[in-house]
């Protein structure tokens, strides 16, 4: 198996890693409950786009 001929220096390694970034999640506010949630996800109350995603869930709340 081939292996590196020379050790990669710290600066060269770090220059390569400059493009690795953590993505900031996009948050949205539900118009019905005013709750902040992740985009394209159902809120904790079960609402999505202002409507109940699971009508049976209303009994549990």
PDB file of N, CA and C in Angstrom:
ATOM      1  N   UNK A   1       0.839  -1.186   0.000  1.00  0.00           N
ATOM      2  CA  UNK A   1       0.000   0.000   0.000  1.00  0.00           C
ATOM      3  C   UNK A   1       0.882   1.248   0.000  1.00  0.00           C
ATOM      4  N   UNK A   2       0.546   2.235  -0.832  1.00  0.00           N
ATOM      5  CA  UNK A   2       1.328   3.467  -0.824  1.00  0.00           C
ATOM      6  C   UNK A   2       1.058   4.289   0.430  1.00  0.00           C
ATOM      7  N   UNK A   3       2.040   5.058   0.805  1.00  0.00           N
ATOM      8  CA  UNK A   3       1.913   5.924   1.967  1.00  0.00           C
ATOM      9  C   UNK A   3       2.604   7.249   1.656  1.00  0.00           C
ATOM     10  N   UNK A   4       2.333   8.293   2.425  1.00  0.00           N
ATOM     11  CA  UNK A   4       2.923   9.599   2.124  1.00  0.00           C
ATOM     12  C   UNK A   4       4.445   9.570   2.195  1.00  0.00           C
ATOM     13  N   UNK A   5       5.077  10.209   1.217  1.00  0.00           N
ATOM     14  CA  UNK A   5       6.536  10.262   1.219  1.00  0.00           C
ATOM     15  C   UNK A   5       7.031  11.257   2.255  1.00  0.00           C
ATOM     16  N   UNK A   6       6.291  12.351   2.451  1.00  0.00           N
ATOM     17  CA  UNK A   6       6.659  13.364   3.434  1.00  0.00           C
ATOM     18  C   UNK A   6       5.465  13.659   4.331  1.00  0.00           C
ATOM     19  N   UNK A   7       5.787  14.095   5.542  1.00  0.00           N
ATOM     20  CA  UNK A   7       4.733  14.492   6.472  1.00  0.00           C
ATOM     21  C   UNK A   7       4.115  15.805   5.984  1.00  0.00           C
ATOM     22  N   UNK A   8       2.788  15.874   5.994  1.00  0.00           N
ATOM     23  CA  UNK A   8       2.108  17.114   5.614  1.00  0.00           C
ATOM     24  C   UNK A   8       2.238  18.092   6.771  1.00  0.00           C
ATOM     25  N   UNK A   9       2.716  19.298   6.471  1.00  0.00           N
ATOM     26  CA  UNK A   9       2.939  20.292   7.522  1.00  0.00           C
ATOM     27  C   UNK A   9       1.608  20.765   8.111  1.00  0.00           C
ATOM     28  N   UNK A  10       1.707  21.337   9.319  1.00  0.00           N
ATOM     29  CA  UNK A  10       0.498  21.818   9.990  1.00  0.00           C
ATOM     30  C   UNK A  10      -0.195  22.907   9.184  1.00  0.00           C
ATOM     31  N   UNK A  11       0.576  23.822   8.603  1.00  0.00           N
ATOM     32  CA  UNK A  11      -0.046  24.918   7.856  1.00  0.00           C
ATOM     33  C   UNK A  11      -0.729  24.403   6.594  1.00  0.00           C
ATOM     34  N   UNK A  12      -0.129  23.452   5.917  1.00  0.00           N
ATOM     35  CA  UNK A  12      -0.740  22.901   4.709  1.00  0.00           C
ATOM     36  C   UNK A  12      -2.022  22.143   5.055  1.00  0.00           C
ATOM     37  N   UNK A  13      -1.976  21.405   6.144  1.00  0.00           N
ATOM     38  CA  UNK A  13      -3.158  20.677   6.614  1.00  0.00           C
ATOM     39  C   UNK A  13      -4.276  21.656   6.985  1.00  0.00           C
ATOM     40  N   UNK A  14      -3.909  22.726   7.701  1.00  0.00           N
ATOM     41  CA  UNK A  14      -4.910  23.691   8.144  1.00  0.00           C
ATOM     42  C   UNK A  14      -5.484  24.494   6.981  1.00  0.00           C
ATOM     43  N   UNK A  15      -4.673  24.769   5.963  1.00  0.00           N
ATOM     44  CA  UNK A  15      -5.179  25.476   4.788  1.00  0.00           C
ATOM     45  C   UNK A  15      -6.252  24.647   4.087  1.00  0.00           C
ATOM     46  N   UNK A  16      -6.059  23.356   4.046  1.00  0.00           N
ATOM     47  CA  UNK A  16      -7.045  22.479   3.428  1.00  0.00           C
ATOM     48  C   UNK A  16      -8.348  22.479   4.228  1.00  0.00           C
ATOM     49  N   UNK A  17      -8.236  22.574   5.537  1.00  0.00           N
ATOM     50  CA  UNK A  17      -9.408  22.497   6.408  1.00  0.00           C
ATOM     51  C   UNK A  17     -10.190  23.813   6.513  1.00  0.00           C
ATOM     52  N   UNK A  18      -9.707  24.894   5.888  1.00  0.00           N
ATOM     53  CA  UNK A  18     -10.411  26.173   6.007  1.00  0.00           C
ATOM     54  C   UNK A  18     -11.795  26.120   5.381  1.00  0.00           C
ATOM     55  N   UNK A  19     -12.034  25.207   4.468  1.00  0.00           N
ATOM     56  CA  UNK A  19     -13.320  25.128   3.779  1.00  0.00           C
ATOM     57  C   UNK A  19     -14.337  24.298   4.542  1.00  0.00           C
ATOM     58  N   UNK A  20     -13.918  23.623   5.613  1.00  0.00           N
ATOM     59  CA  UNK A  20     -14.855  22.823   6.407  1.00  0.00           C
ATOM     60  C   UNK A  20     -15.562  23.758   7.376  1.00  0.00           C
ATOM     61  N   UNK A  21     -16.838  23.993   7.145  1.00  0.00           N
ATOM     62  CA  UNK A  21     -17.586  24.914   7.997  1.00  0.00           C
ATOM     63  C   UNK A  21     -18.849  24.229   8.487  1.00  0.00           C
ATOM     64  N   UNK A  22     -19.276  24.621   9.665  1.00  0.00           N
ATOM     65  CA  UNK A  22     -20.553  24.140  10.175  1.00  0.00           C
ATOM     66  C   UNK A  22     -21.672  24.997   9.612  1.00  0.00           C
ATOM     67  N   UNK A  23     -22.752  24.358   9.205  1.00  0.00           N
ATOM     68  CA  UNK A  23     -23.879  25.094   8.638  1.00  0.00           C
ATOM     69  C   UNK A  23     -24.798  25.576   9.755  1.00  0.00           C
ATOM     70  N   UNK A  24     -25.230  26.817   9.648  1.00  0.00           N
ATOM     71  CA  UNK A  24     -26.163  27.380  10.625  1.00  0.00           C
ATOM     72  C   UNK A  24     -27.573  26.967  10.208  1.00  0.00           C
ATOM     73  N   UNK A  25     -28.350  26.352  11.099  1.00  0.00           N
ATOM     74  CA  UNK A  25     -29.697  25.922  10.710  1.00  0.00           C
ATOM     75  C   UNK A  25     -30.614  27.115  10.455  1.00  0.00           C
ATOM     76  N   UNK A  26     -31.453  26.987   9.435  1.00  0.00           N
ATOM     77  CA  UNK A  26     -32.405  28.035   9.102  1.00  0.00           C
ATOM     78  C   UNK A  26     -33.650  27.851   9.959  1.00  0.00           C
ATOM     79  N   UNK A  27     -33.985  28.868  10.732  1.00  0.00           N
ATOM     80  CA  UNK A  27     -35.138  28.789  11.619  1.00  0.00           C
ATOM     81  C   UNK A  27     -36.302  29.582  11.045  1.00  0.00           C
ATOM     82  N   UNK A  28     -37.493  29.176  11.432  1.00  0.00           N
ATOM     83  CA  UNK A  28     -38.702  29.807  10.952  1.00  0.00           C
ATOM     84  C   UNK A  28     -39.672  29.939  12.116  1.00  0.00           C
ATOM     85  N   UNK A  29     -40.601  30.894  12.024  1.00  0.00           N
ATOM     86  CA  UNK A  29     -41.601  31.093  13.075  1.00  0.00           C
ATOM     87  C   UNK A  29     -42.952  30.618  12.553  1.00  0.00           C
ATOM     88  N   UNK A  30     -43.603  29.744  13.308  1.00  0.00           N
ATOM     89  CA  UNK A  30     -44.910  29.225  12.926  1.00  0.00           C
ATOM     90  C   UNK A  30     -45.955  30.332  13.071  1.00  0.00           C
ATOM     91  N   UNK A  31     -46.778  30.582  12.037  1.00  0.00           N
ATOM     92  CA  UNK A  31     -47.753  31.668  12.128  1.00  0.00           C
ATOM     93  C   UNK A  31     -48.862  31.420  13.150  1.00  0.00           C
ATOM     94  N   UNK A  32     -49.183  30.159  13.413  1.00  0.00           N
ATOM     95  CA  UNK A  32     -50.275  29.844  14.331  1.00  0.00           C
ATOM     96  C   UNK A  32     -49.856  29.968  15.784  1.00  0.00           C
ATOM     97  N   UNK A  33     -48.775  29.262  16.140  1.00  0.00           N
ATOM     98  CA  UNK A  33     -48.366  29.220  17.550  1.00  0.00           C
ATOM     99  C   UNK A  33     -47.270  30.223  17.882  1.00  0.00           C
ATOM    100  N   UNK A  34     -46.594  30.766  16.866  1.00  0.00           N
ATOM    101  CA  UNK A  34     -45.491  31.691  17.106  1.00  0.00           C
ATOM    102  C   UNK A  34     -44.233  30.999  17.579  1.00  0.00           C
ATOM    103  N   UNK A  35     -44.185  29.699  17.438  1.00  0.00           N
ATOM    104  CA  UNK A  35     -43.047  28.901  17.896  1.00  0.00           C
ATOM    105  C   UNK A  35     -41.943  28.895  16.840  1.00  0.00           C
ATOM    106  N   UNK A  36     -40.693  28.952  17.269  1.00  0.00           N
ATOM    107  CA  UNK A  36     -39.552  28.873  16.362  1.00  0.00           C
ATOM    108  C   UNK A  36     -39.220  27.408  16.121  1.00  0.00           C
ATOM    109  N   UNK A  37     -39.010  27.053  14.848  1.00  0.00           N
ATOM    110  CA  UNK A  37     -38.728  25.655  14.502  1.00  0.00           C
ATOM    111  C   UNK A  37     -37.827  25.615  13.277  1.00  0.00           C
ATOM    112  N   UNK A  38     -37.294  24.446  12.970  1.00  0.00           N
ATOM    113  CA  UNK A  38     -36.492  24.257  11.767  1.00  0.00           C
ATOM    114  C   UNK A  38     -37.399  24.339  10.540  1.00  0.00           C
ATOM    115  N   UNK A  39     -36.863  24.878   9.448  1.00  0.00           N
ATOM    116  CA  UNK A  39     -37.644  24.992   8.220  1.00  0.00           C
ATOM    117  C   UNK A  39     -38.013  23.606   7.706  1.00  0.00           C
ATOM    118  N   UNK A  40     -39.180  23.496   7.102  1.00  0.00           N
ATOM    119  CA  UNK A  40     -39.682  22.265   6.499  1.00  0.00           C
ATOM    120  C   UNK A  40     -39.816  21.128   7.507  1.00  0.00           C
ATOM    121  N   UNK A  41     -40.047  21.471   8.759  1.00  0.00           N
ATOM    122  CA  UNK A  41     -40.255  20.462   9.804  1.00  0.00           C
ATOM    123  C   UNK A  41     -41.522  20.815  10.578  1.00  0.00           C
ATOM    124  N   UNK A  42     -42.153  19.814  11.145  1.00  0.00           N
ATOM    125  CA  UNK A  42     -43.338  20.017  11.976  1.00  0.00           C
ATOM    126  C   UNK A  42     -42.884  20.569  13.320  1.00  0.00           C
ATOM    127  N   UNK A  43     -43.660  21.511  13.891  1.00  0.00           N
ATOM    128  CA  UNK A  43     -43.308  22.070  15.196  1.00  0.00           C
ATOM    129  C   UNK A  43     -43.611  21.053  16.285  1.00  0.00           C
ATOM    130  N   UNK A  44     -43.210  21.359  17.506  1.00  0.00           N
ATOM    131  CA  UNK A  44     -43.463  20.459  18.630  1.00  0.00           C
ATOM    132  C   UNK A  44     -44.957  20.336  18.906  1.00  0.00           C
ATOM    133  N   UNK A  45     -45.734  21.373  18.543  1.00  0.00           N
ATOM    134  CA  UNK A  45     -47.186  21.322  18.739  1.00  0.00           C
ATOM    135  C   UNK A  45     -47.898  20.546  17.641  1.00  0.00           C
ATOM    136  N   UNK A  46     -47.164  20.146  16.601  1.00  0.00           N
ATOM    137  CA  UNK A  46     -47.762  19.365  15.519  1.00  0.00           C
ATOM    138  C   UNK A  46     -48.244  20.199  14.350  1.00  0.00           C
ATOM    139  N   UNK A  47     -47.880  21.480  14.286  1.00  0.00           N
ATOM    140  CA  UNK A  47     -48.311  22.355  13.198  1.00  0.00           C
ATOM    141  C   UNK A  47     -47.264  22.407  12.095  1.00  0.00           C
ATOM    142  N   UNK A  48     -47.749  22.473  10.842  1.00  0.00           N
ATOM    143  CA  UNK A  48     -46.887  22.664   9.683  1.00  0.00           C
ATOM    144  C   UNK A  48     -47.624  23.590   8.727  1.00  0.00           C
ATOM    145  N   UNK A  49     -47.021  24.708   8.385  1.00  0.00           N
ATOM    146  CA  UNK A  49     -47.621  25.737   7.524  1.00  0.00           C
ATOM    147  C   UNK A  49     -48.964  26.218   8.076  1.00  0.00           C
ATOM    148  N   UNK A  50     -49.075  26.330   9.387  1.00  0.00           N
ATOM    149  CA  UNK A  50     -50.280  26.868   9.996  1.00  0.00           C
ATOM    150  C   UNK A  50     -51.409  25.870  10.185  1.00  0.00           C
ATOM    151  N   UNK A  51     -51.205  24.611   9.756  1.00  0.00           N
ATOM    152  CA  UNK A  51     -52.245  23.590   9.904  1.00  0.00           C
ATOM    153  C   UNK A  51     -51.707  22.450  10.753  1.00  0.00           C
ATOM    154  N   UNK A  52     -52.620  21.715  11.383  1.00  0.00           N
ATOM    155  CA  UNK A  52     -52.196  20.540  12.141  1.00  0.00           C
ATOM    156  C   UNK A  52     -51.740  19.466  11.164  1.00  0.00           C
ATOM    157  N   UNK A  53     -50.523  18.978  11.332  1.00  0.00           N
ATOM    158  CA  UNK A  53     -49.997  17.943  10.451  1.00  0.00           C
ATOM    159  C   UNK A  53     -50.638  16.599  10.780  1.00  0.00           C
ATOM    160  N   UNK A  54     -50.884  16.364  12.058  1.00  0.00           N
ATOM    161  CA  UNK A  54     -51.498  15.127  12.520  1.00  0.00           C
ATOM    162  C   UNK A  54     -52.718  15.498  13.362  1.00  0.00           C
ATOM    163  N   UNK A  55     -53.922  15.450  12.809  1.00  0.00           N
ATOM    164  CA  UNK A  55     -55.106  15.864  13.566  1.00  0.00           C
ATOM    165  C   UNK A  55     -55.306  15.061  14.858  1.00  0.00           C
ATOM    166  N   UNK A  56     -54.854  13.817  14.898  1.00  0.00           N
ATOM    167  CA  UNK A  56     -54.989  12.998  16.105  1.00  0.00           C
ATOM    168  C   UNK A  56     -54.102  13.511  17.228  1.00  0.00           C
ATOM    169  N   UNK A  57     -53.079  14.281  16.902  1.00  0.00           N
ATOM    170  CA  UNK A  57     -52.131  14.763  17.901  1.00  0.00           C
ATOM    171  C   UNK A  57     -52.766  15.813  18.812  1.00  0.00           C
ATOM    172  N   UNK A  58     -53.842  16.452  18.375  1.00  0.00           N
ATOM    173  CA  UNK A  58     -54.504  17.486  19.164  1.00  0.00           C
ATOM    174  C   UNK A  58     -55.039  16.904  20.477  1.00  0.00           C
ATOM    175  N   UNK A  59     -55.414  15.635  20.493  1.00  0.00           N
ATOM    176  CA  UNK A  59     -55.926  14.985  21.698  1.00  0.00           C
ATOM    177  C   UNK A  59     -54.843  14.845  22.756  1.00  0.00           C
ATOM    178  N   UNK A  60     -53.591  14.649  22.317  1.00  0.00           N
ATOM    179  CA  UNK A  60     -52.480  14.432  23.249  1.00  0.00           C
ATOM    180  C   UNK A  60     -52.029  15.727  23.910  1.00  0.00           C
ATOM    181  N   UNK A  61     -52.259  16.856  23.273  1.00  0.00           N
ATOM    182  CA  UNK A  61     -51.752  18.134  23.794  1.00  0.00           C
ATOM    183  C   UNK A  61     -52.614  18.654  24.911  1.00  0.00           C
TER     184      UNK A  61
END
